[in-house]
Amino acid sequence: MKKIAFITGASSGIGRDTALLLAGHGYHVFVAARHVEKIPDFPGITPLFIDLTDDRTIVRAVESVLSKHDSIDVLVNDAGYGFYGTLEDV
């Protein structure tokens, strides 16, 4: 039985590379990002939309995985959220 991985922030950088690595090692990888069109089309990778500013999208993504599989074996939270401004304003 394949191990299940769930990776956030997988449309680029470390999240994307981790998804490709795990899929290459036989994991079924669910990758979540706002820009799902940037998620690589690779065997073993299933893209999911999430937006960190909307909790409902996160819950839906996790429920989608758990509706098909009993558990998530590997979780990589790599999604980032930026809040920019001068120190006095933030």
C-alpha atoms as a PDB file:
ATOM      1  CA  MET A   1       0.000   0.000   0.000  1.00  0.00           C
ATOM      2  CA  LYS A   2       1.319   3.425  -0.965  1.00  0.00           C
ATOM      3  CA  LYS A   3       2.163   5.940   1.710  1.00  0.00           C
ATOM      4  CA  ILE A   4       0.203   9.198   1.550  1.00  0.00           C
ATOM      5  CA  ALA A   5       1.895  12.589   1.732  1.00  0.00           C
ATOM      6  CA  PHE A   6       0.230  15.999   1.995  1.00  0.00           C
ATOM      7  CA  ILE A   7       2.330  19.051   1.141  1.00  0.00           C
ATOM      8  CA  THR A   8       1.259  22.679   1.322  1.00  0.00           C
ATOM      9  CA  GLY A   9       3.002  25.388  -0.668  1.00  0.00           C
ATOM     10  CA  ALA A  10       3.899  22.916  -3.383  1.00  0.00           C
ATOM     11  CA  SER A  11       3.612  25.141  -6.435  1.00  0.00           C
ATOM     12  CA  SER A  12       7.269  26.186  -6.178  1.00  0.00           C
ATOM     13  CA  GLY A  13      10.489  25.915  -4.219  1.00  0.00           C
ATOM     14  CA  ILE A  14      11.015  23.398  -1.433  1.00  0.00           C
ATOM     15  CA  GLY A  15       7.394  22.233  -1.446  1.00  0.00           C
ATOM     16  CA  ARG A  16       7.471  21.474  -5.164  1.00  0.00           C
ATOM     17  CA  ASP A  17      10.824  19.701  -4.977  1.00  0.00           C
ATOM     18  CA  THR A  18       9.704  17.655  -1.955  1.00  0.00           C
ATOM     19  CA  ALA A  19       6.546  16.604  -3.813  1.00  0.00           C
ATOM     20  CA  LEU A  20       8.583  15.435  -6.808  1.00  0.00           C
ATOM     21  CA  LEU A  21      11.038  13.577  -4.558  1.00  0.00           C
ATOM     22  CA  LEU A  22       8.333  11.740  -2.609  1.00  0.00           C
ATOM     23  CA  ALA A  23       6.340  10.905  -5.749  1.00  0.00           C
ATOM     24  CA  GLY A  24       9.553   9.547  -7.274  1.00  0.00           C
ATOM     25  CA  HIS A  25       9.911   7.275  -4.247  1.00  0.00           C
ATOM     26  CA  GLY A  26       6.425   5.824  -4.645  1.00  0.00           C
ATOM     27  CA  TYR A  27       4.354   8.036  -2.378  1.00  0.00           C
ATOM     28  CA  HIS A  28       0.920   9.262  -3.448  1.00  0.00           C
ATOM     29  CA  VAL A  29       1.427  12.973  -2.920  1.00  0.00           C
ATOM     30  CA  PHE A  30      -1.405  15.449  -2.461  1.00  0.00           C
ATOM     31  CA  VAL A  31      -0.025  18.902  -3.081  1.00  0.00           C
ATOM     32  CA  ALA A  32      -1.875  22.024  -2.037  1.00  0.00           C
ATOM     33  CA  ALA A  33      -1.383  25.562  -3.265  1.00  0.00           C
ATOM     34  CA  ARG A  34      -3.242  28.681  -4.378  1.00  0.00           C
ATOM     35  CA  HIS A  35      -1.768  28.401  -7.855  1.00  0.00           C
ATOM     36  CA  VAL A  36      -2.583  24.793  -8.732  1.00  0.00           C
ATOM     37  CA  GLU A  37      -1.707  25.478 -12.370  1.00  0.00           C
ATOM     38  CA  LYS A  38       1.956  25.655 -11.275  1.00  0.00           C
ATOM     39  CA  ILE A  39       1.890  22.199  -9.681  1.00  0.00           C
ATOM     40  CA  PRO A  40       3.880  19.754 -11.817  1.00  0.00           C
ATOM     41  CA  ASP A  41       1.979  17.176 -13.853  1.00  0.00           C
ATOM     42  CA  PHE A  42       3.787  14.126 -12.541  1.00  0.00           C
ATOM     43  CA  PRO A  43       2.613  10.557 -11.815  1.00  0.00           C
ATOM     44  CA  GLY A  44       1.573  10.157  -8.187  1.00  0.00           C
ATOM     45  CA  ILE A  45       0.852  13.854  -7.622  1.00  0.00           C
ATOM     46  CA  THR A  46      -2.682  15.128  -7.045  1.00  0.00           C
ATOM     47  CA  PRO A  47      -3.138  18.913  -6.900  1.00  0.00           C
ATOM     48  CA  LEU A  48      -5.508  20.534  -4.396  1.00  0.00           C
ATOM     49  CA  PHE A  49      -6.463  24.189  -4.039  1.00  0.00           C
ATOM     50  CA  ILE A  50      -5.952  25.906  -0.684  1.00  0.00           C
ATOM     51  CA  ASP A  51      -5.780  29.529   0.350  1.00  0.00           C
ATOM     52  CA  LEU A  52      -4.304  30.109   3.806  1.00  0.00           C
ATOM     53  CA  THR A  53      -6.558  33.117   4.305  1.00  0.00           C
ATOM     54  CA  ASP A  54      -9.661  30.910   3.932  1.00  0.00           C
ATOM     55  CA  ASP A  55      -9.891  28.094   6.505  1.00  0.00           C
ATOM     56  CA  ARG A  56     -12.691  26.422   4.539  1.00  0.00           C
ATOM     57  CA  THR A  57     -10.332  25.619   1.651  1.00  0.00           C
ATOM     58  CA  ILE A  58      -7.883  23.967   4.032  1.00  0.00           C
ATOM     59  CA  VAL A  59     -10.592  21.846   5.654  1.00  0.00           C
ATOM     60  CA  ARG A  60     -11.976  20.822   2.237  1.00  0.00           C
ATOM     61  CA  ALA A  61      -8.522  19.776   0.997  1.00  0.00           C
ATOM     62  CA  VAL A  62      -7.794  17.615   4.050  1.00  0.00           C
ATOM     63  CA  GLU A  63     -11.280  16.098   3.988  1.00  0.00           C
ATOM     64  CA  SER A  64     -10.800  15.286   0.297  1.00  0.00           C
ATOM     65  CA  VAL A  65      -7.663  13.271   1.076  1.00  0.00           C
ATOM     66  CA  LEU A  66      -9.161  11.529   4.108  1.00  0.00           C
ATOM     67  CA  SER A  67     -12.296  10.583   2.174  1.00  0.00           C
ATOM     68  CA  LYS A  68     -10.097   8.435  -0.092  1.00  0.00           C
ATOM     69  CA  HIS A  69      -7.422   7.268   2.360  1.00  0.00           C
ATOM     70  CA  ASP A  70      -7.403   6.255   6.011  1.00  0.00           C
ATOM     71  CA  SER A  71      -4.618   8.586   7.041  1.00  0.00           C
ATOM     72  CA  ILE A  72      -1.893  10.972   5.979  1.00  0.00           C
ATOM     73  CA  ASP A  73       1.537   9.450   6.598  1.00  0.00           C
ATOM     74  CA  VAL A  74       3.689  12.502   5.843  1.00  0.00           C
ATOM     75  CA  LEU A  75       2.723  16.151   6.333  1.00  0.00           C
ATOM     76  CA  VAL A  76       4.902  18.994   5.071  1.00  0.00           C
ATOM     77  CA  ASN A  77       3.593  22.478   5.871  1.00  0.00           C
ATOM     78  CA  ASP A  78       5.565  24.651   3.503  1.00  0.00           C
ATOM     79  CA  ALA A  79       2.989  27.290   2.589  1.00  0.00           C
ATOM     80  CA  GLY A  80       4.000  30.821   3.334  1.00  0.00           C
ATOM     81  CA  TYR A  81       2.053  33.917   4.180  1.00  0.00           C
ATOM     82  CA  GLY A  82       3.567  37.340   3.800  1.00  0.00           C
ATOM     83  CA  PHE A  83       2.614  40.446   5.699  1.00  0.00           C
ATOM     84  CA  TYR A  84       4.679  43.387   4.603  1.00  0.00           C
ATOM     85  CA  GLY A  85       5.077  46.951   5.759  1.00  0.00           C
ATOM     86  CA  THR A  86       7.110  49.175   7.974  1.00  0.00           C
ATOM     87  CA  LEU A  87       7.510  48.090  11.577  1.00  0.00           C
ATOM     88  CA  GLU A  88       5.293  50.911  12.781  1.00  0.00           C
ATOM     89  CA  ASP A  89       2.465  49.888  10.431  1.00  0.00           C
ATOM     90  CA  VAL A  90       2.563  46.172  11.077  1.00  0.00           C
END
